[in-house]
Amino acid sequence: MSKKKWTNSISGKGYYIALILCAVAIGISGYLYYRNANDIGGSIQNNPMSSDNQGNGDVQAVATQPSDQQPTDGTQGTEQTDPIVLPPRPYKTTAPVNGQTAAEYAMDCLSYNQTTRDWRVHNGIDYAAEAGTPVVAAADGTVYTVYDDEAMGVTVVISHADGYVTKYSSLAEEVQVQPGDTVEMGQTLGCVGNSALLESAIGDHIHFSVTYNDRYVDPADFLTQE
């Protein structure tokens, strides 16, 4: 083979090799882009508070259907499946507000959240009432903390005897107690508001939850127990 023909042969093979390498590179790039896009999409879908309109509480999310799995309720508590038997409570209680029940306690099943438009557990009872309606301590106790939660809004937490803790969320901004205060059953803590971003679709209400030895229990059981 002459030098010229040999050079032309090598050049032709080089062209095809370069073409194949380009095709492989394009394929790899496409695969990586597709995988990253799926990862990002899954992350957004799994986060019920992800939205371009998060600031105004208009959470855009696709409604999902109940499943056998019971995910945690975001900032509203941890998953629990075993029933809790409450011991006799040696003190009286009262409802935290005079209002209508907007959402029941649901830790053993999934309930639909109108704000996030998905199904999730619900660790308390939502009481709907007019803004400014007084919210009172459900029992005698000591104010453990007062804070503004990113998801559940202005919150007061009260520690009671025998391992009980009550939490009052979605309050109006002004509260009348501070950490360390001793409160009596029926004493005003603050007023009904709509500060819970996670439950903004309900309107003016409070989210009332109860724990016994750090586990969520049905607030109705706490309030009606003799």
Protein backbone atom coordinates (compact mmCIF):
# COMPACT_ATOMS: atom_id res chain seq x y z
CA MET A 1 0.00 0.00 0.00
CA SER A 2 1.35 3.45 -0.93
CA LYS A 3 1.97 6.06 1.73
CA LYS A 4 -0.82 8.22 0.36
CA LYS A 5 -3.41 5.41 0.44
CA TRP A 6 -2.34 4.40 3.96
CA THR A 7 -2.73 7.98 5.18
CA ASN A 8 -6.18 8.26 3.62
CA SER A 9 -7.22 4.97 5.25
CA ILE A 10 -6.13 6.13 8.70
CA SER A 11 -7.92 9.47 8.21
CA GLY A 12 -11.15 7.71 7.27
CA LYS A 13 -11.00 5.42 10.29
CA GLY A 14 -10.28 8.41 12.53
CA TYR A 15 -13.38 10.14 11.26
CA TYR A 16 -15.61 7.18 12.14
CA ILE A 17 -13.95 6.74 15.53
CA ALA A 18 -14.56 10.42 16.34
CA LEU A 19 -18.17 10.08 15.22
CA ILE A 20 -18.72 7.06 17.50
CA LEU A 21 -17.11 8.84 20.46
CA CYS A 22 -19.39 11.86 19.96
CA ALA A 23 -22.45 9.60 19.90
CA VAL A 24 -21.35 7.90 23.13
CA ALA A 25 -20.73 11.27 24.82
CA ILE A 26 -24.19 12.52 23.80
CA GLY A 27 -25.78 9.35 25.16
CA ILE A 28 -24.01 9.62 28.50
CA SER A 29 -24.92 13.31 28.83
CA GLY A 30 -28.56 12.54 28.09
CA TYR A 31 -28.65 9.77 30.69
CA LEU A 32 -27.11 11.98 33.40
CA TYR A 33 -29.53 14.83 32.63
CA TYR A 34 -32.53 12.47 32.79
CA ARG A 35 -31.40 10.97 36.10
CA ASN A 36 -30.77 14.37 37.71
CA ALA A 37 -34.11 15.66 36.51
CA ASN A 38 -35.88 12.69 38.09
CA ASP A 39 -34.00 13.17 41.37
CA ILE A 40 -34.96 16.83 41.56
CA GLY A 41 -38.57 16.14 40.62
CA GLY A 42 -38.86 13.45 43.27
CA SER A 43 -37.43 15.77 45.91
CA ILE A 44 -39.97 18.49 45.12
CA GLN A 45 -42.87 16.04 45.03
CA ASN A 46 -41.94 14.62 48.43
CA ASN A 47 -41.83 18.09 50.00
CA PRO A 48 -45.44 19.30 50.45
CA MET A 49 -44.30 22.86 51.20
CA SER A 50 -42.29 23.23 48.00
CA SER A 51 -43.85 25.88 45.76
CA ASP A 52 -42.97 28.97 43.81
CA ASN A 53 -45.78 30.63 45.78
CA GLN A 54 -44.67 29.38 49.20
CA GLY A 55 -44.54 32.88 50.61
CA ASN A 56 -48.29 33.46 50.22
CA GLY A 57 -49.30 29.99 51.41
CA ASP A 58 -50.69 28.92 48.04
CA VAL A 59 -49.05 25.51 47.98
CA GLN A 60 -49.24 23.91 44.55
CA ALA A 61 -49.27 20.14 44.94
CA VAL A 62 -50.91 17.24 43.13
CA ALA A 63 -53.49 15.45 45.26
CA THR A 64 -52.47 11.95 46.19
CA GLN A 65 -54.52 8.98 47.33
CA PRO A 66 -54.28 7.16 50.68
CA SER A 67 -51.90 4.21 50.77
CA ASP A 68 -50.91 1.50 53.21
CA GLN A 69 -47.90 3.59 54.22
CA GLN A 70 -48.33 6.24 56.90
CA PRO A 71 -45.70 8.96 56.46
CA THR A 72 -44.81 11.36 59.20
CA ASP A 73 -46.69 14.64 59.36
CA GLY A 74 -43.79 16.90 58.53
CA THR A 75 -43.31 19.34 61.50
CA GLN A 76 -46.51 18.03 63.13
CA GLY A 77 -45.06 14.98 64.86
CA THR A 78 -43.71 11.48 64.41
CA GLU A 79 -45.29 8.30 63.12
CA GLN A 80 -46.75 5.91 65.69
CA THR A 81 -48.81 2.78 65.17
CA ASP A 82 -49.22 1.23 68.64
CA PRO A 83 -52.34 2.40 70.56
CA ILE A 84 -51.69 4.24 73.82
CA VAL A 85 -53.76 3.53 76.91
CA LEU A 86 -53.96 6.65 79.05
CA PRO A 87 -53.84 6.23 82.83
CA PRO A 88 -56.40 8.02 85.03
CA ARG A 89 -55.78 11.76 85.06
CA PRO A 90 -56.17 13.32 88.54
CA TYR A 91 -57.09 16.82 87.36
CA LYS A 92 -59.79 18.55 85.33
CA THR A 93 -59.53 19.77 81.74
CA THR A 94 -61.42 22.07 79.42
CA ALA A 95 -61.57 22.64 75.68
CA PRO A 96 -58.97 25.20 74.58
CA VAL A 97 -61.42 27.25 72.53
CA ASN A 98 -65.11 27.58 71.83
CA GLY A 99 -65.21 26.56 68.17
CA GLN A 100 -66.23 23.97 65.62
CA THR A 101 -64.03 20.95 64.86
CA ALA A 102 -62.48 21.46 61.42
CA ALA A 103 -60.17 18.42 61.42
CA GLU A 104 -60.03 15.39 63.69
CA TYR A 105 -57.03 13.65 65.21
CA ALA A 106 -55.72 11.00 62.79
CA MET A 107 -52.46 9.25 63.64
CA ASP A 108 -53.64 5.74 62.76
CA CYS A 109 -54.93 6.68 59.31
CA LEU A 110 -54.37 9.31 56.63
CA SER A 111 -56.50 12.44 56.35
CA TYR A 112 -56.68 14.92 53.48
CA ASN A 113 -54.88 18.24 54.01
CA GLN A 114 -56.68 20.99 52.09
CA THR A 115 -53.61 23.24 52.11
CA THR A 116 -50.96 20.83 50.83
CA ARG A 117 -53.57 18.82 48.87
CA ASP A 118 -52.23 15.47 49.92
CA TRP A 119 -52.92 12.72 52.45
CA ARG A 120 -51.04 12.66 55.75
CA VAL A 121 -51.38 11.92 59.45
CA HIS A 122 -52.77 14.64 61.72
CA ASN A 123 -51.54 14.77 65.31
CA GLY A 124 -54.17 17.05 66.79
CA ILE A 125 -57.62 18.59 66.50
CA ASP A 126 -58.25 21.78 64.53
CA TYR A 127 -60.86 24.08 66.04
CA ALA A 128 -62.27 26.71 63.69
CA ALA A 129 -63.35 29.98 65.33
CA GLU A 130 -63.41 33.68 64.60
CA ALA A 131 -60.10 35.51 64.74
CA GLY A 132 -59.61 36.99 68.19
CA THR A 133 -61.54 34.28 70.03
CA PRO A 134 -59.72 33.56 73.33
CA VAL A 135 -57.64 30.38 73.54
CA VAL A 136 -57.28 29.00 77.07
CA ALA A 137 -55.11 26.48 78.88
CA ALA A 138 -56.73 23.04 78.79
CA ALA A 139 -55.44 22.23 82.29
CA ASP A 140 -53.25 23.55 85.08
CA GLY A 141 -49.58 23.55 84.18
CA THR A 142 -46.42 25.48 83.38
CA VAL A 143 -45.63 27.21 80.09
CA TYR A 144 -42.70 25.30 78.64
CA THR A 145 -42.06 27.45 75.57
CA VAL A 146 -43.56 30.03 73.23
CA TYR A 147 -42.31 30.21 69.65
CA ASP A 148 -43.20 30.91 66.03
CA ASP A 149 -43.03 27.65 64.08
CA GLU A 150 -42.34 27.90 60.33
CA ALA A 151 -45.10 25.43 59.48
CA MET A 152 -47.52 25.63 62.42
CA GLY A 153 -47.29 29.31 63.28
CA VAL A 154 -47.37 30.95 66.71
CA THR A 155 -47.32 28.15 69.29
CA VAL A 156 -47.62 27.83 73.08
CA VAL A 157 -46.54 24.61 74.79
CA ILE A 158 -47.67 23.76 78.34
CA SER A 159 -46.30 21.00 80.56
CA HIS A 160 -48.78 19.28 82.87
CA ALA A 161 -48.53 16.72 85.66
CA ASP A 162 -48.25 12.98 84.96
CA GLY A 163 -46.37 13.28 81.66
CA TYR A 164 -48.91 15.29 79.65
CA VAL A 165 -48.01 18.21 77.36
CA THR A 166 -50.49 20.34 75.42
CA LYS A 167 -49.63 22.44 72.38
CA TYR A 168 -51.65 25.34 70.93
CA SER A 169 -50.67 26.35 67.38
CA SER A 170 -51.87 28.79 64.68
CA LEU A 171 -52.42 31.47 67.32
CA ALA A 172 -52.53 35.18 66.60
CA GLU A 173 -49.20 36.96 66.97
CA GLU A 174 -49.86 38.46 70.41
CA VAL A 175 -49.76 35.91 73.27
CA GLN A 176 -50.35 36.59 76.95
CA VAL A 177 -47.94 34.11 78.54
CA GLN A 178 -44.22 33.46 78.46
CA PRO A 179 -41.96 30.49 79.29
CA GLY A 180 -41.94 29.69 82.99
CA ASP A 181 -45.41 31.07 83.73
CA THR A 182 -47.70 28.95 85.87
CA VAL A 183 -51.18 28.79 84.33
CA GLU A 184 -54.54 27.53 85.53
CA MET A 185 -57.17 25.67 83.55
CA GLY A 186 -59.21 28.19 81.55
CA GLN A 187 -56.57 30.94 81.71
CA THR A 188 -56.22 32.86 78.43
CA LEU A 189 -53.05 32.13 76.48
CA GLY A 190 -53.76 34.12 73.34
CA CYS A 191 -56.28 34.33 70.53
CA VAL A 192 -57.34 32.36 67.47
CA GLY A 193 -55.37 33.24 64.35
CA ASN A 194 -54.32 31.71 61.05
CA SER A 195 -50.55 31.63 61.39
CA ALA A 196 -50.09 27.94 60.51
CA LEU A 197 -48.80 27.87 56.94
CA LEU A 198 -49.35 24.11 56.79
CA GLU A 199 -53.08 24.57 57.53
CA SER A 200 -53.80 27.98 56.02
CA ALA A 201 -56.72 26.70 53.90
CA ILE A 202 -58.78 26.10 57.05
CA GLY A 203 -58.89 29.80 57.82
CA ASP A 204 -58.94 31.15 61.37
CA HIS A 205 -58.43 28.25 63.79
CA ILE A 206 -56.10 26.69 66.33
CA HIS A 207 -54.32 23.35 66.10
CA PHE A 208 -54.51 21.63 69.50
CA SER A 209 -52.34 18.57 70.19
CA VAL A 210 -51.53 16.48 73.27
CA THR A 211 -48.62 14.18 74.08
CA TYR A 212 -48.30 11.66 76.88
CA ASN A 213 -44.72 10.68 77.70
CA ASP A 214 -43.62 12.25 74.40
CA ARG A 215 -46.14 10.32 72.26
CA TYR A 216 -49.12 11.92 70.55
CA VAL A 217 -52.56 10.95 71.87
CA ASP A 218 -56.07 11.91 70.81
CA PRO A 219 -56.83 15.28 72.44
CA ALA A 220 -60.47 14.19 72.76
CA ASP A 221 -59.36 11.40 75.11
CA PHE A 222 -57.38 13.88 77.20
CA LEU A 223 -60.33 16.26 77.43
CA THR A 224 -63.04 13.69 78.20
CA GLN A 225 -61.14 11.37 80.54
CA GLU A 226 -62.63 11.24 84.03
